[in-house]
Amino acid sequence: MSATLSTFLGLFFKAGAVAIIFNEVRGVILAVPVLYAMYESGGSAMAIWLGFCSLAGIALSVIVPIFAARKLERYAQAKLAKRTAATA
């Protein structure tokens, strides 16, 4: 049972790693129009502030899933270690 769970978790985390890579690419794609708009506006204070807010939102949407995946992985490993210790 634990071997099946371990295999499933391994595949799940590999799929998660691929999803995180796609999320990083998505973040870069979303940042390009913001940077271009800041360039076109001439660098006014309002454009820089709006650009900063947009880029911060994009960064959060990219960084938060990475931390969530790490936390979930630690939780799953602790749960698996607890289960194997109980059956041993």
Protein backbone atom coordinates (compact mmCIF):
# COMPACT_ATOMS: atom_id res chain seq x y z
CA MET A 1 0.00 0.00 0.00
CA SER A 2 2.75 2.48 0.90
CA ALA A 3 4.64 1.68 -2.32
CA THR A 4 1.55 2.57 -4.34
CA LEU A 5 1.10 5.75 -2.32
CA SER A 6 4.76 6.63 -2.78
CA THR A 7 4.52 6.08 -6.54
CA PHE A 8 1.37 8.17 -6.75
CA LEU A 9 2.93 10.99 -4.73
CA GLY A 10 6.06 10.87 -6.90
CA LEU A 11 4.00 11.22 -10.07
CA PHE A 12 1.89 13.92 -8.46
CA PHE A 13 4.94 15.99 -7.53
CA LYS A 14 6.51 15.53 -10.97
CA ALA A 15 3.31 16.81 -12.54
CA GLY A 16 3.37 19.67 -10.05
CA ALA A 17 6.93 20.55 -11.07
CA VAL A 18 5.86 20.73 -14.71
CA ALA A 19 2.90 22.91 -13.72
CA ILE A 20 5.21 25.25 -11.81
CA ILE A 21 7.45 25.60 -14.87
CA PHE A 22 4.42 26.49 -16.99
CA ASN A 23 3.37 28.94 -14.28
CA GLU A 24 6.78 30.64 -14.45
CA VAL A 25 6.48 30.97 -18.24
CA ARG A 26 2.98 32.39 -17.81
CA GLY A 27 4.34 34.96 -15.36
CA VAL A 28 6.96 36.12 -17.85
CA ILE A 29 4.37 36.33 -20.62
CA LEU A 30 2.08 38.41 -18.40
CA ALA A 31 4.91 40.74 -17.36
CA VAL A 32 5.95 41.74 -20.89
CA PRO A 33 2.87 43.90 -21.69
CA VAL A 34 3.17 45.64 -18.32
CA LEU A 35 6.80 46.53 -18.92
CA TYR A 36 6.03 47.68 -22.47
CA ALA A 37 3.19 49.92 -21.24
CA MET A 38 5.50 51.47 -18.66
CA TYR A 39 8.03 52.16 -21.42
CA GLU A 40 5.42 53.68 -23.74
CA SER A 41 4.00 55.96 -21.03
CA GLY A 42 7.33 57.66 -20.58
CA GLY A 43 7.84 56.46 -17.02
CA SER A 44 5.29 58.66 -15.27
CA ALA A 45 4.78 58.05 -11.56
CA MET A 46 1.28 56.64 -12.09
CA ALA A 47 2.48 54.24 -14.80
CA ILE A 48 5.33 53.05 -12.61
CA TRP A 49 2.96 52.53 -9.65
CA LEU A 50 0.42 50.63 -11.75
CA GLY A 51 3.22 48.59 -13.30
CA PHE A 52 4.63 47.77 -9.89
CA CYS A 53 1.22 46.66 -8.63
CA SER A 54 0.63 44.53 -11.73
CA LEU A 55 4.06 42.92 -11.52
CA ALA A 56 3.62 42.27 -7.78
CA GLY A 57 0.32 40.51 -8.48
CA ILE A 58 1.92 38.42 -11.21
CA ALA A 59 4.83 37.56 -8.89
CA LEU A 60 2.44 36.46 -6.14
CA SER A 61 0.52 34.26 -8.56
CA VAL A 62 3.81 32.60 -9.52
CA ILE A 63 5.51 32.38 -6.10
CA VAL A 64 2.59 31.29 -3.89
CA PRO A 65 2.05 27.95 -5.72
CA ILE A 66 5.76 27.15 -5.28
CA PHE A 67 5.52 27.60 -1.50
CA ALA A 68 2.25 25.67 -1.39
CA ALA A 69 3.82 22.76 -3.29
CA ARG A 70 6.79 22.67 -0.91
CA LYS A 71 4.52 22.71 2.13
CA LEU A 72 2.33 19.96 0.67
CA GLU A 73 5.39 17.85 -0.12
CA ARG A 74 6.69 18.18 3.46
CA TYR A 75 3.26 17.28 4.82
CA ALA A 76 2.99 14.22 2.57
CA GLN A 77 6.49 13.04 3.50
CA ALA A 78 5.75 13.44 7.21
CA LYS A 79 2.46 11.57 6.81
CA LEU A 80 4.18 8.77 4.87
CA ALA A 81 7.00 8.53 7.43
CA LYS A 82 4.45 8.39 10.24
CA ARG A 83 2.52 5.64 8.45
CA THR A 84 5.63 3.55 7.74
CA ALA A 85 6.79 3.96 11.36
CA ALA A 86 3.40 2.78 12.61
CA THR A 87 3.42 -0.33 10.40
CA ALA A 88 7.06 -1.23 11.11
